[in-house]
C-alpha cells in the first residue's frame, strides 16, 4: 500500500537548513537590544480564550472579524490561536499580579502567531515575531526607548533602507473631539453596509482601508493629529525630541492607525520599500486603557511586534545576511566498535566545553567518512581507530589546507581550544 504524501498547511512558511540559520540569526539580532535594555523573557500559550482578543484587540478590526483561527475545544470553550502578542502579555501580567510589583513591567517574547489571511510574499498564516512590552508608566521617554530598541534591532541586521513612521492617536479627550467631526465627515460618504458598520464601531478603521476608492474618499477626512489635547501634544513633542536626540530619523504619518483598536498616544511603524506591498517590518504603540478593558487596573503600556519573516526578507534584499554555510569545529571518524564507544565519550566531553563536535555514523569506510567530513564544513577532523587508541594520539587535520598535527588524546581539548582561537 502506497501512502499519499502529507503537505504543510497552505500559507505556512517553513525554515529548513541551511536557511534556518539565517532565520535564527535575524531573530537573535532582534532580541539582543531588548535584553540589553533590561527586558526579560515571557513565554506564553499560543492559544487563549477567544474573548481575550475580541475584547482586547477590537471587534472592528480585520484581525478579529476575519482573520482569527477560532475553534471549540473538547470542553466547549471558544479558543483562538494568538493573532498578536500584546493581549496575551497583558492577560498574564494581570493574572500573575506582575503589575503589583516594580513598574514598569518590561518583558520580551518571540514565537509563532496566526492569522487566516490570503497568503502572499511576506504575508503568512503562521508568522513569527519578536515583541516587547513595557507596562506601568506614561513617560514619553519610555516611548522613545521602545522605538529605539526596535530601531537597534534592524540596525543589527545591517538594514539601511527602512524608514520609521510615527504619529499620535491621542488620549480619550483627543479622540472624542476628533470622533465627532470624523463621523460627521463619514456621513457624507457612500459606504457599503459592512464599512458603515465598521465605522460606527471605530471610525479610525476607515483610514486603514486599502481599497483605492476608500483611500480617495478619506483623503480630506479630519486628522486626529489636529485634535490632540495639550497633554497629548506635549507627549508627542517629547517623543520626537528624544528620538532626534538619539539620532533616530522619522517621518510623521498623520493617517497611520495600524490594525489593532487598542492603540492610543504614540504609534509607529517601520517600513521597508524593497518588500513591495507587504512593506511593514514591525511596529507598535501605546495602549492606554487595554489593561482596564481586560479586567486589570488602569495602567498604561507600550510595545512593539517585529516581523522576523519580513525582516529576513529585508536583510536578503539588502544582502546583509551572513553565509548560510554550516560549520562545526571537529568531525570524528571512528573505525571499529571500540573506537565508536570512545568517540561518543570524547565528543560528549568536547561538547561540554563548547566545542562543536560531529561524529561519522553508520560504519562507513574511511574514504566515504572523509567525504562526509568535508561536506560537514568542519574545521578539523580526526580518525580514531585501534592504532590511535593504542598509541594514545591522533592526527588532527585542518580541513582548510590539509595540514596535520599529531596530538595526544588527553591533550586534544586544549589543542583544539588553542587552534580554534587563532
Protein backbone atom coordinates (compact mmCIF):
# COMPACT_ATOMS: atom_id res chain seq x y z
CA UNK A 1 0.00 0.00 0.00
CA UNK A 2 1.40 3.37 -1.02
CA UNK A 3 0.53 6.28 1.23
CA UNK A 4 -0.08 9.76 -0.13
CA UNK A 5 2.37 12.45 0.94
CA UNK A 6 1.13 14.92 3.54
CA UNK A 7 1.97 18.55 2.85
CA UNK A 8 2.33 21.54 5.16
CA UNK A 9 -0.79 23.73 5.54
CA UNK A 10 -1.17 26.47 2.95
CA UNK A 11 0.28 29.81 3.96
CA UNK A 12 2.87 28.40 6.38
CA UNK A 13 6.49 29.40 5.89
CA UNK A 14 8.92 26.70 6.97
CA UNK A 15 12.61 27.32 7.64
CA UNK A 16 14.89 24.37 6.91
CA UNK A 17 18.69 24.07 6.91
CA UNK A 18 20.63 25.96 5.75
CA UNK A 19 18.14 28.88 5.53
CA UNK A 20 17.07 28.25 9.11
CA UNK A 21 20.45 29.63 10.20
CA UNK A 22 19.53 32.98 8.63
CA UNK A 23 16.12 32.91 10.33
CA UNK A 24 17.75 32.19 13.69
CA UNK A 25 20.29 34.98 13.12
CA UNK A 26 17.54 37.53 12.38
CA UNK A 27 15.52 36.50 15.43
CA UNK A 28 18.52 36.71 17.75
CA UNK A 29 19.63 40.10 16.42
CA UNK A 30 16.14 41.49 17.07
CA UNK A 31 16.10 40.10 20.62
CA UNK A 32 19.53 41.35 21.74
CA UNK A 33 18.59 45.07 22.09
CA UNK A 34 15.66 44.17 24.36
CA UNK A 35 17.88 42.08 26.63
CA UNK A 36 20.44 44.88 26.73
CA UNK A 37 17.72 47.27 27.90
CA UNK A 38 16.67 45.05 30.81
CA UNK A 39 13.64 43.34 29.29
CA UNK A 40 13.05 39.77 30.48
CA UNK A 41 11.62 36.76 28.67
CA UNK A 42 7.93 35.91 28.90
CA UNK A 43 6.76 32.61 27.36
CA UNK A 44 3.01 32.43 26.76
CA UNK A 45 0.50 29.93 25.31
CA UNK A 46 -0.13 30.06 21.56
CA UNK A 47 -3.88 29.76 22.19
CA UNK A 48 -6.10 31.77 24.51
CA UNK A 49 -9.75 32.34 25.41
CA UNK A 50 -11.34 33.97 22.35
CA UNK A 51 -12.72 36.80 24.50
CA UNK A 52 -9.17 37.98 25.19
CA UNK A 53 -8.73 39.00 21.57
CA UNK A 54 -12.29 40.04 20.71
CA UNK A 55 -12.31 42.35 23.73
CA UNK A 56 -8.66 43.39 23.72
CA UNK A 57 -7.84 43.71 20.00
CA UNK A 58 -11.22 45.12 18.96
CA UNK A 59 -14.34 43.84 17.19
CA UNK A 60 -13.94 46.35 14.35
CA UNK A 61 -10.51 45.09 13.29
CA UNK A 62 -9.97 42.72 10.39
CA UNK A 63 -7.92 40.60 12.79
CA UNK A 64 -10.97 39.81 14.93
CA UNK A 65 -13.72 39.96 12.32
CA UNK A 66 -11.98 38.00 9.52
CA UNK A 67 -8.58 36.55 10.39
CA UNK A 68 -8.63 34.65 13.68
CA UNK A 69 -8.28 30.87 13.89
CA UNK A 70 -11.05 30.12 16.38
CA UNK A 71 -12.34 26.69 17.42
CA UNK A 72 -14.24 24.97 20.21
CA UNK A 73 -12.20 22.68 22.44
CA UNK A 74 -13.40 19.43 23.99
CA UNK A 75 -14.80 21.30 26.97
CA UNK A 76 -16.96 23.52 24.76
CA UNK A 77 -14.76 26.58 25.28
CA UNK A 78 -14.06 29.00 22.44
CA UNK A 79 -10.29 29.04 21.86
CA UNK A 80 -8.26 31.17 19.43
CA UNK A 81 -4.70 30.78 18.17
CA UNK A 82 -2.97 34.02 19.11
CA UNK A 83 -3.05 36.58 16.26
CA UNK A 84 -0.81 39.05 18.14
CA UNK A 85 1.21 39.26 21.35
CA UNK A 86 0.18 42.24 23.47
CA UNK A 87 -3.20 40.98 24.69
CA UNK A 88 -1.67 37.72 25.95
CA UNK A 89 1.10 39.56 27.77
CA UNK A 90 -1.43 41.85 29.40
CA UNK A 91 -3.58 38.89 30.45
CA UNK A 92 -0.55 37.24 32.07
CA UNK A 93 0.52 40.46 33.83
CA UNK A 94 -2.97 40.84 35.32
CA UNK A 95 -3.41 37.16 36.20
CA UNK A 96 0.02 36.81 37.83
CA UNK A 97 -0.14 40.23 39.57
CA UNK A 98 3.05 41.47 37.95
CA UNK A 99 1.52 44.95 37.87
CA UNK A 100 1.54 44.94 41.67
CA UNK A 101 5.34 44.85 41.77
CA UNK A 102 8.06 47.10 40.40
CA UNK A 103 6.96 49.21 37.44
CA UNK A 104 7.32 49.32 34.56
CA UNK A 105 6.97 45.62 33.86
CA UNK A 106 9.41 45.06 30.98
CA UNK A 107 9.22 41.79 29.03
CA UNK A 108 10.16 40.39 25.63
CA UNK A 109 8.76 37.40 23.76
CA UNK A 110 9.11 35.62 20.45
CA UNK A 111 7.25 32.90 18.62
CA UNK A 112 4.52 31.97 16.16
CA UNK A 113 1.33 33.94 15.57
CA UNK A 114 -1.61 33.03 13.37
CA UNK A 115 -3.95 34.89 11.03
CA UNK A 116 -6.21 33.45 8.32
CA UNK A 117 -5.03 35.82 5.62
CA UNK A 118 -4.58 35.36 1.88
CA UNK A 119 -1.02 34.04 1.59
CA UNK A 120 1.47 36.08 -0.41
CA UNK A 121 5.14 37.01 -0.24
CA UNK A 122 5.88 38.20 3.29
CA UNK A 123 2.33 37.52 4.48
CA UNK A 124 1.77 34.12 6.03
CA UNK A 125 -0.93 32.40 8.05
CA UNK A 126 1.67 31.35 10.56
CA UNK A 127 4.25 34.08 11.05
CA UNK A 128 6.98 34.84 13.56
CA UNK A 129 7.50 37.92 15.70
CA UNK A 130 9.80 39.31 18.33
CA UNK A 131 7.99 41.69 20.67
CA UNK A 132 8.44 43.71 23.83
CA UNK A 133 6.02 45.33 26.26
CA UNK A 134 6.68 47.98 28.93
CA UNK A 135 3.71 48.37 31.27
CA UNK A 136 3.06 50.79 34.10
CA UNK A 137 4.28 54.29 33.21
CA UNK A 138 3.21 57.04 30.80
CA UNK A 139 6.66 58.62 30.47
CA UNK A 140 7.24 59.64 26.80
CA UNK A 141 10.92 58.80 27.31
CA UNK A 142 9.82 55.16 27.57
CA UNK A 143 8.04 55.51 24.22
CA UNK A 144 11.33 56.68 22.72
CA UNK A 145 13.24 53.80 24.34
CA UNK A 146 10.84 51.21 22.90
CA UNK A 147 11.16 52.69 19.41
CA UNK A 148 14.96 52.85 19.81
CA UNK A 149 15.10 49.14 20.76
CA UNK A 150 13.27 48.21 17.56
CA UNK A 151 15.47 50.54 15.52
CA UNK A 152 18.62 49.00 17.02
CA UNK A 153 17.35 45.53 16.12
CA UNK A 154 17.02 46.48 12.46
CA UNK A 155 20.42 48.17 12.55
CA UNK A 156 21.87 44.96 14.00
CA UNK A 157 20.70 43.26 10.80
CA UNK A 158 22.63 45.81 8.76
CA UNK A 159 19.44 47.31 7.31
CA UNK A 160 19.63 50.85 5.95
CA UNK A 161 16.74 51.25 3.50
CA UNK A 162 13.90 51.23 6.04
CA UNK A 163 12.09 54.26 7.40
CA UNK A 164 10.32 54.95 10.68
CA UNK A 165 6.84 56.50 10.60
CA UNK A 166 5.25 57.85 13.78
CA UNK A 167 2.05 59.53 14.84
CA UNK A 168 -0.08 60.05 17.94
CA UNK A 169 -3.57 58.63 18.32
CA UNK A 170 -4.11 60.91 21.30
CA UNK A 171 -5.88 60.40 24.62
CA UNK A 172 -9.58 59.90 25.27
CA UNK A 173 -10.23 63.65 25.14
CA UNK A 174 -8.44 63.98 21.78
CA UNK A 175 -10.24 61.03 20.21
CA UNK A 176 -13.65 62.12 21.48
CA UNK A 177 -13.29 65.56 19.86
CA UNK A 178 -11.99 64.07 16.63
CA UNK A 179 -14.68 61.36 16.52
CA UNK A 180 -17.48 63.93 16.33
CA UNK A 181 -16.05 65.63 13.24
CA UNK A 182 -14.87 62.36 11.66
CA UNK A 183 -18.29 60.74 11.95
CA UNK A 184 -19.86 63.89 10.52
CA UNK A 185 -17.48 63.64 7.55
CA UNK A 186 -18.16 59.94 7.09
CA UNK A 187 -21.92 60.56 6.81
CA UNK A 188 -21.19 62.38 3.53
CA UNK A 189 -19.63 59.22 2.03
CA UNK A 190 -21.42 56.47 0.13
CA UNK A 191 -20.38 53.41 2.14
CA UNK A 192 -21.32 49.78 1.78
CA UNK A 193 -23.08 48.19 4.74
CA UNK A 194 -20.03 46.41 6.16
CA UNK A 195 -17.83 49.52 6.00
CA UNK A 196 -20.52 51.67 7.57
CA UNK A 197 -20.89 49.19 10.42
CA UNK A 198 -17.14 49.16 10.98
CA UNK A 199 -17.08 52.96 11.02
CA UNK A 200 -19.70 53.04 13.76
CA UNK A 201 -17.54 50.83 15.98
CA UNK A 202 -14.28 52.64 15.24
CA UNK A 203 -14.29 55.32 12.50
CA UNK A 204 -10.45 55.40 12.51
CA UNK A 205 -10.56 52.00 10.78
CA UNK A 206 -11.51 53.74 7.52
CA UNK A 207 -8.04 55.31 7.35
CA UNK A 208 -6.66 51.76 7.27
CA UNK A 209 -8.88 50.65 4.38
CA UNK A 210 -6.57 49.73 1.48
CA UNK A 211 -9.20 49.98 -1.29
CA UNK A 212 -8.29 52.85 -3.68
CA UNK A 213 -11.83 54.25 -3.68
CA UNK A 214 -11.87 54.38 0.13
CA UNK A 215 -8.43 55.98 0.27
CA UNK A 216 -9.66 58.64 -2.14
CA UNK A 217 -12.84 59.13 -0.10
CA UNK A 218 -10.82 59.60 3.10
CA UNK A 219 -8.28 61.97 1.54
CA UNK A 220 -9.93 65.06 3.05
CA UNK A 221 -11.09 63.49 6.31
CA UNK A 222 -10.17 65.36 9.52
CA UNK A 223 -6.92 64.09 11.05
CA UNK A 224 -6.54 63.13 14.69
CA UNK A 225 -3.20 64.95 14.97
CA UNK A 226 -5.10 68.22 14.60
CA UNK A 227 -7.26 67.36 17.64
CA UNK A 228 -4.62 66.43 20.21
CA UNK A 229 -5.20 67.68 23.72
CA UNK A 230 -2.44 69.85 25.19
CA UNK A 231 -1.13 66.88 27.21
CA UNK A 232 -1.12 64.53 24.21
CA UNK A 233 0.55 67.15 22.02
CA UNK A 234 3.24 67.71 24.66
CA UNK A 235 3.89 63.96 24.99
CA UNK A 236 4.17 63.54 21.22
CA UNK A 237 6.55 66.50 21.00
CA UNK A 238 8.68 64.98 23.76
CA UNK A 239 8.89 61.64 21.93
CA UNK A 240 10.08 63.45 18.80
CA UNK A 241 12.66 65.39 20.83
CA UNK A 242 14.05 62.20 22.39
CA UNK A 243 14.23 60.36 19.05
CA UNK A 244 16.05 63.30 17.50
CA UNK A 245 18.50 63.37 20.42
CA UNK A 246 19.27 59.67 19.83
CA UNK A 247 19.82 60.27 16.12
CA UNK A 248 16.80 58.23 15.04
CA UNK A 249 15.23 59.68 11.89
CA UNK A 250 11.44 59.56 11.50
CA UNK A 251 8.55 60.77 9.36
CA UNK A 252 5.23 61.88 10.82
CA UNK A 253 2.35 59.99 9.19
CA UNK A 254 -0.95 61.54 10.35
CA UNK A 255 -3.03 58.83 8.63
CA UNK A 256 -1.45 55.87 10.37
CA UNK A 257 -3.83 53.87 12.58
CA UNK A 258 -2.38 50.33 12.31
CA UNK A 259 -4.58 47.26 12.53
CA UNK A 260 -5.45 46.99 16.22
CA UNK A 261 -8.02 49.01 18.16
CA UNK A 262 -6.14 49.26 21.45
CA UNK A 263 -3.53 51.78 20.27
CA UNK A 264 -3.51 55.27 21.82
CA UNK A 265 -0.90 58.02 22.00
CA UNK A 266 2.44 57.25 20.34
CA UNK A 267 2.05 54.84 17.42
CA UNK A 268 4.79 53.81 14.99
CA UNK A 269 5.69 51.55 12.09
CA UNK A 270 8.91 50.56 10.36
CA UNK A 271 8.55 50.31 6.59
CA UNK A 272 10.94 48.75 4.08
CA UNK A 273 10.16 49.80 0.46
CA UNK A 274 12.09 46.86 -1.05
CA UNK A 275 9.38 44.43 0.11
CA UNK A 276 6.60 45.66 -2.17
CA UNK A 277 3.01 45.56 -0.91
CA UNK A 278 3.93 43.91 2.41
CA UNK A 279 6.39 46.64 3.35
CA UNK A 280 5.80 46.77 7.10
CA UNK A 281 8.59 45.04 9.02
CA UNK A 282 7.43 45.96 12.50
CA UNK A 283 5.55 48.46 14.59
CA UNK A 284 3.67 49.16 17.76
CA UNK A 285 2.48 51.85 20.06
CA UNK A 286 0.99 52.84 23.37
CA UNK A 287 -2.21 51.22 24.64
CA UNK A 288 -3.73 53.23 27.49
CA UNK A 289 -6.90 51.51 28.71
CA UNK A 290 -6.13 47.99 27.49
CA UNK A 291 -5.32 46.62 30.94
CA UNK A 292 -8.57 48.02 32.32
CA UNK A 293 -10.50 46.55 29.38
CA UNK A 294 -9.10 43.12 30.24
CA UNK A 295 -10.10 43.35 33.89
CA UNK A 296 -6.96 44.86 35.41
CA UNK A 297 -6.12 48.20 36.94
CA UNK A 298 -5.79 51.36 34.86
CA UNK A 299 -2.15 51.27 33.80
CA UNK A 300 -0.62 52.42 30.55
CA UNK A 301 1.74 50.39 28.39
CA UNK A 302 3.69 50.49 25.16
CA UNK A 303 5.24 47.79 23.00
CA UNK A 304 6.00 46.51 19.53
CA UNK A 305 5.95 43.41 17.34
CA UNK A 306 8.73 42.95 14.78
CA UNK A 307 8.18 40.54 11.89
CA UNK A 308 11.02 38.00 11.74
CA UNK A 309 9.86 36.72 8.33
CA UNK A 310 9.79 40.18 6.79
CA UNK A 311 12.97 41.32 8.50
CA UNK A 312 14.70 38.31 6.92
CA UNK A 313 13.31 39.27 3.50
CA UNK A 314 14.59 42.83 4.05
CA UNK A 315 18.03 41.54 5.03
CA UNK A 316 18.08 39.36 1.91
CA UNK A 317 17.02 42.36 -0.21
CA UNK A 318 19.90 44.42 1.21
CA UNK A 319 22.36 41.48 1.06
CA UNK A 320 23.21 41.67 4.77
CA UNK A 321 22.53 38.01 5.63
CA UNK A 322 25.68 36.13 6.75
CA UNK A 323 26.77 32.98 4.94
CA UNK A 324 24.38 30.08 5.43
CA UNK A 325 27.22 27.56 5.22
CA UNK A 326 27.12 25.33 8.30
CA UNK A 327 30.42 24.72 10.08
CA UNK A 328 31.38 22.69 13.14
CA UNK A 329 34.69 22.59 14.98
CA UNK A 330 35.58 18.91 14.82
CA UNK A 331 34.48 15.84 12.88
CA UNK A 332 35.44 12.46 14.41
CA UNK A 333 35.63 9.32 12.29
CA UNK A 334 35.59 6.15 14.44
CA UNK A 335 36.95 2.90 12.98
CA UNK A 336 35.66 -0.14 14.84
CA UNK A 337 33.29 -0.76 17.76
CA UNK A 338 35.81 0.09 20.47
CA UNK A 339 36.65 3.36 18.78
CA UNK A 340 32.96 4.20 18.40
CA UNK A 341 32.44 3.95 22.16
CA UNK A 342 35.45 6.14 22.87
CA UNK A 343 34.31 8.60 20.22
CA UNK A 344 30.97 9.07 21.95
CA UNK A 345 32.73 9.73 25.25
CA UNK A 346 35.24 12.10 23.62
CA UNK A 347 32.54 14.02 21.74
CA UNK A 348 30.48 14.40 24.90
CA UNK A 349 33.44 15.87 26.78
CA UNK A 350 34.35 18.26 23.96
CA UNK A 351 30.74 19.43 23.56
CA UNK A 352 30.53 20.11 27.30
CA UNK A 353 33.17 22.84 26.92
CA UNK A 354 31.55 24.37 23.84
CA UNK A 355 33.46 22.65 21.04
CA UNK A 356 31.01 21.77 18.26
CA UNK A 357 31.70 18.13 17.52
CA UNK A 358 30.17 15.80 14.94
CA UNK A 359 30.58 12.05 14.53
CA UNK A 360 30.59 9.86 11.42
CA UNK A 361 27.83 7.29 11.99
CA UNK A 362 26.89 4.20 10.04
CA UNK A 363 30.27 2.39 9.98
CA UNK A 364 31.30 3.99 6.69
CA UNK A 365 34.56 3.21 5.02
CA UNK A 366 37.29 5.77 5.66
CA UNK A 367 37.04 7.30 2.19
CA UNK A 368 33.27 7.84 2.48
CA UNK A 369 33.62 9.18 6.01
CA UNK A 370 36.23 11.71 4.88
CA UNK A 371 33.84 12.92 2.18
CA UNK A 372 31.18 13.38 4.86
CA UNK A 373 33.65 15.33 6.96
CA UNK A 374 34.42 17.60 4.03
CA UNK A 375 30.72 18.22 3.34
CA UNK A 376 30.06 18.94 7.03
CA UNK A 377 32.19 22.09 6.85
CA UNK A 378 34.11 21.03 9.96
CA UNK A 379 37.30 22.99 10.61
CA UNK A 380 39.19 19.92 11.88
CA UNK A 381 38.89 16.15 11.52
CA UNK A 382 40.42 13.18 13.33
CA UNK A 383 40.32 9.44 12.67
CA UNK A 384 40.04 7.29 15.79
CA UNK A 385 40.89 3.61 15.31
CA UNK A 386 42.61 0.82 17.20
CA UNK A 387 46.11 2.12 16.45
CA UNK A 388 45.23 5.66 17.66
CA UNK A 389 43.71 4.28 20.85
CA UNK A 390 46.75 2.08 21.44
CA UNK A 391 49.20 4.94 20.87
CA UNK A 392 47.06 7.50 22.72
CA UNK A 393 47.45 10.02 19.91
CA UNK A 394 45.53 11.19 16.82
CA UNK A 395 46.34 13.17 13.69
CA UNK A 396 44.43 16.46 13.84
CA UNK A 397 43.79 17.57 10.26
CA UNK A 398 42.97 21.19 9.47
CA UNK A 399 40.48 21.00 6.60
CA UNK A 400 41.24 24.41 5.12
CA UNK A 401 44.73 23.43 3.97
CA UNK A 402 45.18 19.76 4.89
CA UNK A 403 47.91 20.41 7.48
CA UNK A 404 48.03 17.67 10.12
CA UNK A 405 49.37 17.74 13.67
CA UNK A 406 49.98 14.81 15.99
CA UNK A 407 48.11 15.39 19.25
CA UNK A 408 47.91 13.31 22.42
CA UNK A 409 44.30 12.25 23.01
CA UNK A 410 44.37 13.57 26.58
CA UNK A 411 45.54 16.95 25.23
CA UNK A 412 43.06 17.17 22.33
CA UNK A 413 40.71 19.55 24.10
CA UNK A 414 43.45 22.06 24.92
CA UNK A 415 44.92 21.86 21.41
CA UNK A 416 41.52 22.39 19.78
CA UNK A 417 40.74 25.36 22.01
CA UNK A 418 44.08 26.88 21.10
CA UNK A 419 43.65 26.23 17.37
CA UNK A 420 40.07 27.48 17.27
CA UNK A 421 41.06 30.73 18.98
CA UNK A 422 43.54 31.65 16.24
